[in-house]
Amino acid sequence: MDHIGSRLDLTKDQKAQVNTIIAAERTNVEPLFAQLAASWQQMRAATTGGQFNEEEVRALAASQAKTITELIVVKERVKVKVYAVLTLEQRTKADQMQEQMESHFGGRFANGS
């Protein structure tokens, strides 16, 4: 966040607001990361030594998908709240940064690399 904050030239007040937003959402994120870690451990245990129970793997994968969905929702909620703190000029910069990142990563995914 510090890197992005400096690129957007956030004021001290804006940094405080962003930190408050992030801190408020942290209580939502921490249990999700714990759930994801537990699910990954269960997946490793379920497939150790070449064992494979498709029903169990599907159930674990579905659980991981739900957790990842919730993490994405929290991330986007934070993004919108932070965006509301920005000035018009900072929003323009943030949009450009987002486009550059999507272009960079989107190109990689589109090319299969």
N, C-alpha and C. Protein backbone atom coordinates (compact mmCIF):
# COMPACT_ATOMS: atom_id res chain seq x y z
N MET A 1 0.82 -1.19 0.00
CA MET A 1 0.00 0.00 0.00
C MET A 1 0.86 1.25 0.00
N ASP A 2 2.01 1.21 0.67
CA ASP A 2 2.89 2.38 0.70
C ASP A 2 3.32 2.79 -0.70
N HIS A 3 3.65 1.79 -1.52
CA HIS A 3 4.10 2.07 -2.89
C HIS A 3 2.98 2.74 -3.68
N ILE A 4 1.79 2.20 -3.60
CA ILE A 4 0.65 2.77 -4.32
C ILE A 4 0.32 4.15 -3.77
N GLY A 5 0.36 4.28 -2.44
CA GLY A 5 0.09 5.56 -1.81
C GLY A 5 1.05 6.64 -2.26
N SER A 6 2.31 6.28 -2.41
CA SER A 6 3.28 7.28 -2.86
C SER A 6 3.09 7.61 -4.34
N ARG A 7 2.73 6.64 -5.14
CA ARG A 7 2.48 6.90 -6.56
C ARG A 7 1.25 7.78 -6.77
N LEU A 8 0.29 7.69 -5.84
CA LEU A 8 -0.92 8.50 -5.94
C LEU A 8 -0.79 9.81 -5.16
N ASP A 9 0.34 10.01 -4.51
CA ASP A 9 0.56 11.22 -3.70
C ASP A 9 -0.55 11.43 -2.68
N LEU A 10 -0.83 10.39 -1.89
CA LEU A 10 -1.86 10.51 -0.86
C LEU A 10 -1.41 11.48 0.22
N THR A 11 -2.36 12.24 0.71
CA THR A 11 -2.08 13.13 1.83
C THR A 11 -2.03 12.29 3.12
N LYS A 12 -1.57 12.91 4.18
CA LYS A 12 -1.51 12.23 5.47
C LYS A 12 -2.92 11.79 5.90
N ASP A 13 -3.90 12.66 5.69
CA ASP A 13 -5.28 12.34 6.03
C ASP A 13 -5.81 11.17 5.19
N GLN A 14 -5.50 11.18 3.91
CA GLN A 14 -5.94 10.08 3.04
C GLN A 14 -5.31 8.77 3.46
N LYS A 15 -4.02 8.80 3.79
CA LYS A 15 -3.35 7.58 4.26
C LYS A 15 -4.02 7.04 5.51
N ALA A 16 -4.38 7.94 6.43
CA ALA A 16 -5.07 7.52 7.65
C ALA A 16 -6.42 6.90 7.32
N GLN A 17 -7.15 7.50 6.38
CA GLN A 17 -8.45 6.96 5.98
C GLN A 17 -8.31 5.59 5.34
N VAL A 18 -7.31 5.44 4.48
CA VAL A 18 -7.07 4.15 3.82
C VAL A 18 -6.69 3.10 4.85
N ASN A 19 -5.83 3.46 5.78
CA ASN A 19 -5.44 2.51 6.83
C ASN A 19 -6.64 2.09 7.67
N THR A 20 -7.56 3.01 7.93
CA THR A 20 -8.77 2.69 8.68
C THR A 20 -9.65 1.71 7.89
N ILE A 21 -9.77 1.95 6.60
CA ILE A 21 -10.55 1.06 5.73
C ILE A 21 -9.97 -0.35 5.75
N ILE A 22 -8.66 -0.42 5.59
CA ILE A 22 -8.00 -1.72 5.56
C ILE A 22 -8.12 -2.43 6.91
N ALA A 23 -7.93 -1.70 7.99
CA ALA A 23 -8.04 -2.29 9.32
C ALA A 23 -9.45 -2.82 9.58
N ALA A 24 -10.46 -2.08 9.13
CA ALA A 24 -11.84 -2.51 9.32
C ALA A 24 -12.14 -3.80 8.58
N GLU A 25 -11.57 -3.98 7.42
CA GLU A 25 -11.81 -5.19 6.62
C GLU A 25 -10.93 -6.36 7.06
N ARG A 26 -9.87 -6.07 7.79
CA ARG A 26 -8.96 -7.13 8.22
C ARG A 26 -9.70 -8.20 9.03
N THR A 27 -10.69 -7.79 9.82
CA THR A 27 -11.45 -8.76 10.60
C THR A 27 -12.25 -9.71 9.70
N ASN A 28 -12.59 -9.26 8.51
CA ASN A 28 -13.29 -10.12 7.55
C ASN A 28 -12.32 -11.04 6.81
N VAL A 29 -11.10 -10.56 6.59
CA VAL A 29 -10.14 -11.29 5.77
C VAL A 29 -9.42 -12.39 6.54
N GLU A 30 -9.05 -12.12 7.76
CA GLU A 30 -8.24 -13.09 8.51
C GLU A 30 -8.90 -14.47 8.62
N PRO A 31 -10.20 -14.55 8.97
CA PRO A 31 -10.82 -15.88 9.02
C PRO A 31 -10.87 -16.57 7.64
N LEU A 32 -11.00 -15.77 6.60
CA LEU A 32 -11.04 -16.34 5.25
C LEU A 32 -9.69 -16.97 4.89
N PHE A 33 -8.60 -16.28 5.23
CA PHE A 33 -7.28 -16.85 4.98
C PHE A 33 -7.06 -18.11 5.81
N ALA A 34 -7.56 -18.12 7.04
CA ALA A 34 -7.45 -19.31 7.88
C ALA A 34 -8.24 -20.47 7.27
N GLN A 35 -9.45 -20.19 6.76
CA GLN A 35 -10.26 -21.22 6.10
C GLN A 35 -9.54 -21.78 4.88
N LEU A 36 -8.94 -20.89 4.10
CA LEU A 36 -8.25 -21.31 2.89
C LEU A 36 -7.04 -22.18 3.24
N ALA A 37 -6.29 -21.77 4.24
CA ALA A 37 -5.13 -22.56 4.66
C ALA A 37 -5.57 -23.95 5.14
N ALA A 38 -6.63 -24.01 5.92
CA ALA A 38 -7.13 -25.30 6.41
C ALA A 38 -7.59 -26.18 5.24
N SER A 39 -8.25 -25.57 4.28
CA SER A 39 -8.73 -26.32 3.12
C SER A 39 -7.56 -26.87 2.29
N TRP A 40 -6.52 -26.05 2.15
CA TRP A 40 -5.34 -26.53 1.41
C TRP A 40 -4.68 -27.70 2.13
N GLN A 41 -4.63 -27.63 3.46
CA GLN A 41 -4.06 -28.74 4.23
C GLN A 41 -4.91 -30.00 4.05
N GLN A 42 -6.22 -29.83 4.07
CA GLN A 42 -7.11 -30.97 3.85
C GLN A 42 -6.92 -31.56 2.46
N MET A 43 -6.71 -30.69 1.47
CA MET A 43 -6.50 -31.17 0.10
C MET A 43 -5.20 -31.96 0.02
N ARG A 44 -4.14 -31.44 0.64
CA ARG A 44 -2.88 -32.18 0.65
C ARG A 44 -3.06 -33.54 1.31
N ALA A 45 -3.76 -33.57 2.44
CA ALA A 45 -3.98 -34.83 3.14
C ALA A 45 -4.82 -35.79 2.30
N ALA A 46 -5.79 -35.25 1.57
CA ALA A 46 -6.69 -36.08 0.76
C ALA A 46 -6.01 -36.67 -0.46
N THR A 47 -4.89 -36.07 -0.89
CA THR A 47 -4.22 -36.55 -2.11
C THR A 47 -2.80 -37.03 -1.88
N THR A 48 -2.41 -37.15 -0.61
CA THR A 48 -1.06 -37.62 -0.29
C THR A 48 -0.87 -39.06 -0.75
N GLY A 49 0.30 -39.32 -1.28
CA GLY A 49 0.66 -40.68 -1.68
C GLY A 49 -0.13 -41.19 -2.86
N GLY A 50 -0.65 -40.28 -3.67
CA GLY A 50 -1.36 -40.71 -4.88
C GLY A 50 -2.80 -41.10 -4.65
N GLN A 51 -3.30 -40.93 -3.43
CA GLN A 51 -4.72 -41.26 -3.21
C GLN A 51 -5.60 -40.19 -3.84
N PHE A 52 -6.77 -40.59 -4.25
CA PHE A 52 -7.68 -39.63 -4.91
C PHE A 52 -9.11 -40.10 -4.74
N ASN A 53 -9.86 -39.29 -4.03
CA ASN A 53 -11.31 -39.49 -3.89
C ASN A 53 -11.94 -38.27 -4.54
N GLU A 54 -12.46 -38.45 -5.74
CA GLU A 54 -12.96 -37.31 -6.51
C GLU A 54 -14.03 -36.54 -5.76
N GLU A 55 -14.91 -37.22 -5.08
CA GLU A 55 -15.98 -36.53 -4.34
C GLU A 55 -15.39 -35.62 -3.26
N GLU A 56 -14.41 -36.12 -2.54
CA GLU A 56 -13.77 -35.33 -1.49
C GLU A 56 -13.00 -34.14 -2.08
N VAL A 57 -12.27 -34.39 -3.17
CA VAL A 57 -11.51 -33.33 -3.83
C VAL A 57 -12.46 -32.25 -4.36
N ARG A 58 -13.56 -32.66 -4.96
CA ARG A 58 -14.54 -31.68 -5.45
C ARG A 58 -15.12 -30.84 -4.32
N ALA A 59 -15.42 -31.49 -3.21
CA ALA A 59 -15.98 -30.76 -2.06
C ALA A 59 -14.96 -29.76 -1.52
N LEU A 60 -13.71 -30.16 -1.42
CA LEU A 60 -12.67 -29.25 -0.95
C LEU A 60 -12.45 -28.11 -1.94
N ALA A 61 -12.45 -28.43 -3.23
CA ALA A 61 -12.28 -27.40 -4.26
C ALA A 61 -13.44 -26.40 -4.21
N ALA A 62 -14.65 -26.88 -4.02
CA ALA A 62 -15.82 -26.00 -3.92
C ALA A 62 -15.70 -25.09 -2.70
N SER A 63 -15.21 -25.64 -1.61
CA SER A 63 -15.01 -24.84 -0.39
C SER A 63 -13.97 -23.75 -0.64
N GLN A 64 -12.89 -24.11 -1.31
CA GLN A 64 -11.85 -23.13 -1.64
C GLN A 64 -12.41 -22.04 -2.56
N ALA A 65 -13.22 -22.44 -3.51
CA ALA A 65 -13.81 -21.47 -4.45
C ALA A 65 -14.69 -20.46 -3.72
N LYS A 66 -15.47 -20.94 -2.76
CA LYS A 66 -16.33 -20.03 -1.98
C LYS A 66 -15.48 -19.05 -1.18
N THR A 67 -14.42 -19.56 -0.58
CA THR A 67 -13.54 -18.70 0.23
C THR A 67 -12.84 -17.68 -0.66
N ILE A 68 -12.35 -18.10 -1.80
CA ILE A 68 -11.69 -17.18 -2.72
C ILE A 68 -12.69 -16.13 -3.22
N THR A 69 -13.93 -16.53 -3.46
CA THR A 69 -14.97 -15.58 -3.87
C THR A 69 -15.14 -14.51 -2.80
N GLU A 70 -15.20 -14.91 -1.55
CA GLU A 70 -15.35 -13.94 -0.45
C GLU A 70 -14.15 -13.01 -0.37
N LEU A 71 -12.95 -13.54 -0.58
CA LEU A 71 -11.75 -12.70 -0.57
C LEU A 71 -11.78 -11.67 -1.69
N ILE A 72 -12.24 -12.08 -2.85
CA ILE A 72 -12.35 -11.15 -3.99
C ILE A 72 -13.37 -10.06 -3.67
N VAL A 73 -14.48 -10.43 -3.07
CA VAL A 73 -15.50 -9.45 -2.71
C VAL A 73 -14.93 -8.43 -1.72
N VAL A 74 -14.20 -8.89 -0.72
CA VAL A 74 -13.60 -7.97 0.25
C VAL A 74 -12.60 -7.05 -0.45
N LYS A 75 -11.78 -7.61 -1.32
CA LYS A 75 -10.79 -6.80 -2.04
C LYS A 75 -11.47 -5.71 -2.85
N GLU A 76 -12.52 -6.05 -3.55
CA GLU A 76 -13.22 -5.06 -4.38
C GLU A 76 -13.93 -4.03 -3.51
N ARG A 77 -14.46 -4.46 -2.37
CA ARG A 77 -15.11 -3.52 -1.45
C ARG A 77 -14.09 -2.51 -0.93
N VAL A 78 -12.90 -2.99 -0.57
CA VAL A 78 -11.83 -2.10 -0.12
C VAL A 78 -11.45 -1.13 -1.22
N LYS A 79 -11.33 -1.66 -2.43
CA LYS A 79 -10.95 -0.82 -3.58
C LYS A 79 -11.94 0.32 -3.77
N VAL A 80 -13.23 0.04 -3.69
CA VAL A 80 -14.25 1.06 -3.87
C VAL A 80 -14.20 2.10 -2.74
N LYS A 81 -14.01 1.62 -1.52
CA LYS A 81 -13.93 2.56 -0.39
C LYS A 81 -12.70 3.45 -0.50
N VAL A 82 -11.58 2.89 -0.92
CA VAL A 82 -10.36 3.68 -1.09
C VAL A 82 -10.56 4.68 -2.23
N TYR A 83 -11.15 4.23 -3.31
CA TYR A 83 -11.40 5.09 -4.46
C TYR A 83 -12.19 6.32 -4.06
N ALA A 84 -13.13 6.15 -3.13
CA ALA A 84 -13.97 7.26 -2.68
C ALA A 84 -13.16 8.32 -1.92
N VAL A 85 -12.01 7.93 -1.39
CA VAL A 85 -11.14 8.84 -0.63
C VAL A 85 -10.28 9.69 -1.58
N LEU A 86 -10.10 9.22 -2.80
CA LEU A 86 -9.19 9.87 -3.74
C LEU A 86 -9.80 11.12 -4.38
N THR A 87 -8.91 12.03 -4.76
CA THR A 87 -9.32 13.19 -5.55
C THR A 87 -9.52 12.75 -7.00
N LEU A 88 -10.09 13.61 -7.80
CA LEU A 88 -10.30 13.29 -9.22
C LEU A 88 -8.98 12.96 -9.90
N GLU A 89 -7.94 13.74 -9.64
CA GLU A 89 -6.62 13.48 -10.23
C GLU A 89 -6.06 12.13 -9.78
N GLN A 90 -6.21 11.82 -8.51
CA GLN A 90 -5.72 10.54 -7.99
C GLN A 90 -6.51 9.38 -8.57
N ARG A 91 -7.80 9.57 -8.76
CA ARG A 91 -8.63 8.52 -9.36
C ARG A 91 -8.17 8.24 -10.79
N THR A 92 -7.85 9.31 -11.53
CA THR A 92 -7.35 9.14 -12.89
C THR A 92 -6.06 8.33 -12.88
N LYS A 93 -5.14 8.68 -11.97
CA LYS A 93 -3.89 7.94 -11.84
C LYS A 93 -4.15 6.48 -11.46
N ALA A 94 -5.06 6.28 -10.51
CA ALA A 94 -5.39 4.92 -10.06
C ALA A 94 -5.97 4.10 -11.22
N ASP A 95 -6.83 4.71 -12.01
CA ASP A 95 -7.41 4.03 -13.18
C ASP A 95 -6.32 3.65 -14.17
N GLN A 96 -5.37 4.56 -14.39
CA GLN A 96 -4.27 4.27 -15.32
C GLN A 96 -3.40 3.14 -14.79
N MET A 97 -3.12 3.15 -13.48
CA MET A 97 -2.33 2.08 -12.88
C MET A 97 -3.04 0.74 -13.03
N GLN A 98 -4.37 0.74 -12.82
CA GLN A 98 -5.17 -0.48 -12.95
C GLN A 98 -5.11 -0.99 -14.40
N GLU A 99 -5.25 -0.09 -15.36
CA GLU A 99 -5.19 -0.49 -16.76
C GLU A 99 -3.83 -1.06 -17.13
N GLN A 100 -2.76 -0.45 -16.63
CA GLN A 100 -1.41 -0.95 -16.90
C GLN A 100 -1.24 -2.35 -16.32
N MET A 101 -1.73 -2.55 -15.11
CA MET A 101 -1.60 -3.86 -14.47
C MET A 101 -2.40 -4.91 -15.23
N GLU A 102 -3.63 -4.55 -15.60
CA GLU A 102 -4.46 -5.49 -16.35
C GLU A 102 -3.85 -5.81 -17.71
N SER A 103 -3.28 -4.81 -18.34
CA SER A 103 -2.63 -5.01 -19.63
C SER A 103 -1.43 -5.94 -19.48
N HIS A 104 -0.66 -5.71 -18.44
CA HIS A 104 0.53 -6.52 -18.20
C HIS A 104 0.15 -7.97 -17.90
N PHE A 105 -0.73 -8.17 -16.94
CA PHE A 105 -1.11 -9.52 -16.55
C PHE A 105 -2.08 -10.14 -17.53
N GLY A 106 -2.97 -9.34 -18.09
CA GLY A 106 -3.92 -9.85 -19.07
C GLY A 106 -3.22 -10.40 -20.29
N GLY A 107 -2.18 -9.73 -20.71
CA GLY A 107 -1.39 -10.21 -21.84
C GLY A 107 -0.74 -11.54 -21.56
N ARG A 108 -0.27 -11.70 -20.35
CA ARG A 108 0.35 -12.98 -19.97
C ARG A 108 -0.66 -14.09 -19.96
N PHE A 109 -1.84 -13.84 -19.39
CA PHE A 109 -2.85 -14.89 -19.34
C PHE A 109 -3.38 -15.21 -20.72
N ALA A 110 -3.54 -14.20 -21.56
CA ALA A 110 -4.07 -14.41 -22.92
C ALA A 110 -3.09 -15.24 -23.75
N ASN A 111 -1.78 -15.05 -23.49
CA ASN A 111 -0.77 -15.78 -24.24
C ASN A 111 -0.49 -17.15 -23.66
N GLY A 112 -1.09 -17.44 -22.50
CA GLY A 112 -0.89 -18.75 -21.89
C GLY A 112 0.46 -18.90 -21.23
N SER A 113 1.17 -17.79 -20.93
CA SER A 113 2.46 -17.90 -20.29
C SER A 113 2.40 -17.54 -18.84
